[in-house]
Amino acid sequence: MVKRILQNWRKAEKGQSLVEFAIILPLLVLLLTLPVDYFCYIKTKMILSSAASESIGQLNYASVSSGNAENDIKKTMEDYCGDRLVTDKVYISFNKKNQEKKDYTYYVYSSALADKPDYGDKFEKRASNYQCMEVQVQFSYEMSPVTYWGVSFLGDPFYVITPVYKRNIYVDGYTP
């Protein structure tokens, strides 16, 4: 009885479509589920990068010099992405460098040089300087994959890490 059914399937090639389906199904599942984890990774990286950029943009020298910079960064990050990420899983790396003095030249229109024929010669060069400090911020976030394939390809857990964002913070103006 079973032998006859199998022979009929073989003659009608119904078994071939079943085998093809069994071969293709895992590939379809892989192709449809793997992008879910990569989408979650990319979305989290974009959110963290925007939060890191916003956080370093809001820093000022008073915050850095008083030692509250990390708290201010965390508060800005929570305001910016607290509803989209678990903020307890965000690790903040903050570094500051020493103050440095930067010299520059600026030009001032001089009435004493007003009779010069060339317009560019009517300006006096004056030296000036300012002091600034470089600060750096980087966020990392611990994340677990959603699908089995994500565990295989990305690991469990894996970390989403932003680039290091750098910014010079103005400290003081002209010093003779």
Protein backbone atom coordinates (compact mmCIF):
# COMPACT_ATOMS: atom_id res chain seq x y z
CA MET A 1 0.00 0.00 0.00
CA VAL A 2 2.69 2.49 1.04
CA LYS A 3 4.88 1.31 -1.79
CA ARG A 4 2.12 2.01 -4.29
CA ILE A 5 1.55 5.54 -2.90
CA LEU A 6 5.27 6.32 -3.12
CA GLN A 7 5.41 5.01 -6.68
CA ASN A 8 2.45 7.19 -7.63
CA TRP A 9 4.14 10.20 -6.08
CA ARG A 10 7.34 9.42 -7.90
CA LYS A 11 5.51 9.10 -11.20
CA ALA A 12 3.56 12.30 -10.61
CA GLU A 13 6.71 14.08 -9.32
CA LYS A 14 4.88 15.26 -6.22
CA GLY A 15 7.81 14.11 -4.11
CA GLN A 16 10.18 16.37 -6.03
CA SER A 17 8.28 19.49 -5.05
CA LEU A 18 8.22 18.34 -1.43
CA VAL A 19 12.01 17.86 -1.43
CA GLU A 20 12.55 21.22 -3.13
CA PHE A 21 10.33 22.89 -0.53
CA ALA A 22 12.25 21.18 2.29
CA ILE A 23 15.54 22.46 0.86
CA ILE A 24 14.32 26.00 0.21
CA LEU A 25 12.41 26.54 3.48
CA PRO A 26 15.48 26.97 5.75
CA LEU A 27 17.01 29.40 3.27
CA LEU A 28 13.79 31.44 3.19
CA VAL A 29 13.65 31.49 6.98
CA LEU A 30 17.29 32.63 7.11
CA LEU A 31 16.73 35.34 4.51
CA LEU A 32 13.61 36.63 6.25
CA THR A 33 14.82 36.56 9.88
CA LEU A 34 18.48 37.61 9.65
CA PRO A 35 17.69 41.19 8.55
CA VAL A 36 15.63 41.66 11.73
CA ASP A 37 18.76 41.57 13.92
CA TYR A 38 20.76 43.73 11.54
CA PHE A 39 17.92 46.27 11.44
CA CYS A 40 17.90 46.36 15.27
CA TYR A 41 21.69 46.83 15.27
CA ILE A 42 21.61 49.65 12.72
CA LYS A 43 18.67 51.40 14.42
CA THR A 44 20.40 51.24 17.82
CA LYS A 45 23.67 52.54 16.37
CA MET A 46 21.87 55.49 14.75
CA ILE A 47 20.07 56.34 18.00
CA LEU A 48 23.28 56.10 20.04
CA SER A 49 25.28 58.13 17.52
CA SER A 50 22.68 60.89 17.53
CA ALA A 51 22.57 60.89 21.33
CA ALA A 52 26.38 61.03 21.59
CA SER A 53 26.54 63.89 19.10
CA GLU A 54 23.81 65.79 20.94
CA SER A 55 25.44 65.15 24.32
CA ILE A 56 28.85 66.44 23.32
CA GLY A 57 27.25 69.41 21.60
CA GLN A 58 25.58 70.48 24.87
CA LEU A 59 28.76 70.35 26.98
CA ASN A 60 30.34 73.55 28.19
CA TYR A 61 33.46 74.42 30.18
CA ALA A 62 31.57 74.98 33.45
CA SER A 63 30.24 71.43 33.28
CA VAL A 64 33.65 69.94 32.48
CA SER A 65 35.62 71.95 35.05
CA SER A 66 33.17 71.18 37.87
CA GLY A 67 33.33 67.44 37.20
CA ASN A 68 29.64 67.18 36.24
CA ALA A 69 30.29 66.43 32.57
CA GLU A 70 29.46 62.72 32.79
CA ASN A 71 26.20 63.45 34.64
CA ASP A 72 25.27 66.10 32.07
CA ILE A 73 26.06 63.70 29.22
CA LYS A 74 23.94 60.98 30.84
CA LYS A 75 21.04 63.40 31.38
CA THR A 76 21.15 64.57 27.76
CA MET A 77 21.34 60.96 26.56
CA GLU A 78 18.34 59.99 28.71
CA ASP A 79 16.36 62.97 27.41
CA TYR A 80 17.27 62.18 23.82
CA CYS A 81 16.86 58.39 23.67
CA GLY A 82 15.42 57.28 27.02
CA ASP A 83 12.12 56.27 25.45
CA ARG A 84 13.79 54.15 22.73
CA LEU A 85 16.60 52.39 24.64
CA VAL A 86 17.18 50.94 28.09
CA THR A 87 19.51 53.65 29.39
CA ASP A 88 20.97 51.40 32.10
CA LYS A 89 22.65 49.35 29.36
CA VAL A 90 24.41 52.39 27.87
CA TYR A 91 28.06 52.75 28.85
CA ILE A 92 29.50 56.25 28.49
CA SER A 93 33.21 56.82 27.91
CA PHE A 94 34.24 60.45 28.53
CA ASN A 95 37.77 61.83 28.22
CA LYS A 96 39.13 65.34 28.40
CA LYS A 97 42.53 66.61 27.40
CA ASN A 98 44.58 69.45 28.85
CA GLN A 99 43.88 73.05 27.99
CA GLU A 100 45.82 74.39 25.06
CA LYS A 101 46.43 77.90 23.84
CA LYS A 102 45.70 78.56 20.17
CA ASP A 103 47.11 81.62 18.42
CA TYR A 104 45.47 83.27 15.46
CA THR A 105 45.62 86.51 13.50
CA TYR A 106 42.68 88.77 12.82
CA TYR A 107 42.44 91.88 10.65
CA VAL A 108 41.05 95.29 11.61
CA TYR A 109 40.22 98.13 9.23
CA SER A 110 42.60 101.02 9.90
CA SER A 111 41.72 104.62 9.02
CA ALA A 112 45.45 105.39 9.00
CA LEU A 113 45.80 103.05 6.03
CA ALA A 114 42.64 104.28 4.27
CA ASP A 115 44.57 106.05 1.47
CA LYS A 116 46.20 102.81 0.23
CA PRO A 117 45.11 101.92 -3.32
CA ASP A 118 44.68 98.19 -2.67
CA TYR A 119 41.69 97.33 -0.49
CA GLY A 120 43.53 94.46 1.26
CA ASP A 121 46.28 96.83 2.43
CA LYS A 122 43.78 98.89 4.47
CA PHE A 123 43.72 96.31 7.27
CA GLU A 124 46.09 95.88 10.21
CA LYS A 125 47.16 92.45 11.37
CA ARG A 126 46.63 91.81 15.07
CA ALA A 127 47.69 88.75 16.99
CA SER A 128 45.29 87.10 19.40
CA ASN A 129 44.70 83.78 21.10
CA TYR A 130 42.22 81.71 23.03
CA GLN A 131 42.31 78.64 25.21
CA CYS A 132 40.35 75.50 24.54
CA MET A 133 40.09 71.92 25.72
CA GLU A 134 39.31 68.83 23.65
CA VAL A 135 36.66 66.46 25.01
CA GLN A 136 35.75 63.03 23.65
CA VAL A 137 32.60 60.97 24.09
CA GLN A 138 31.82 57.41 23.02
CA PHE A 139 28.72 55.34 23.82
CA SER A 140 28.39 51.57 23.82
CA TYR A 141 25.23 49.54 24.32
CA GLU A 142 24.77 45.89 25.25
CA MET A 143 22.18 44.23 23.06
CA SER A 144 20.78 40.71 22.69
CA PRO A 145 19.77 39.33 19.29
CA VAL A 146 16.11 38.70 18.58
CA THR A 147 16.46 35.60 16.40
CA TYR A 148 18.47 32.39 16.54
CA TRP A 149 20.46 33.43 13.48
CA GLY A 150 21.42 36.68 15.17
CA VAL A 151 22.97 34.69 18.01
CA SER A 152 24.95 32.67 15.45
CA PHE A 153 26.20 35.65 13.44
CA LEU A 154 26.44 38.47 16.00
CA GLY A 155 26.90 36.68 19.33
CA ASP A 156 24.91 36.89 22.53
CA PRO A 157 25.18 39.56 23.82
CA PHE A 158 26.86 41.87 21.34
CA TYR A 159 27.82 45.52 21.72
CA VAL A 160 26.83 48.47 19.59
CA ILE A 161 29.65 51.05 19.74
CA THR A 162 29.52 54.60 18.41
CA PRO A 163 32.49 56.40 16.91
CA VAL A 164 34.50 58.66 19.22
CA TYR A 165 33.01 62.15 19.03
CA LYS A 166 35.49 65.00 19.62
CA ARG A 167 34.90 68.66 20.30
CA ASN A 168 36.93 71.65 21.40
CA ILE A 169 35.36 73.54 24.29
CA TYR A 170 36.12 77.22 24.66
CA VAL A 171 37.86 77.94 27.98
CA ASP A 172 39.12 81.51 27.95
CA GLY A 173 39.73 84.40 25.59
CA TYR A 174 42.77 86.53 24.92
CA THR A 175 45.65 86.26 27.35
CA PRO A 176 48.70 88.49 26.80
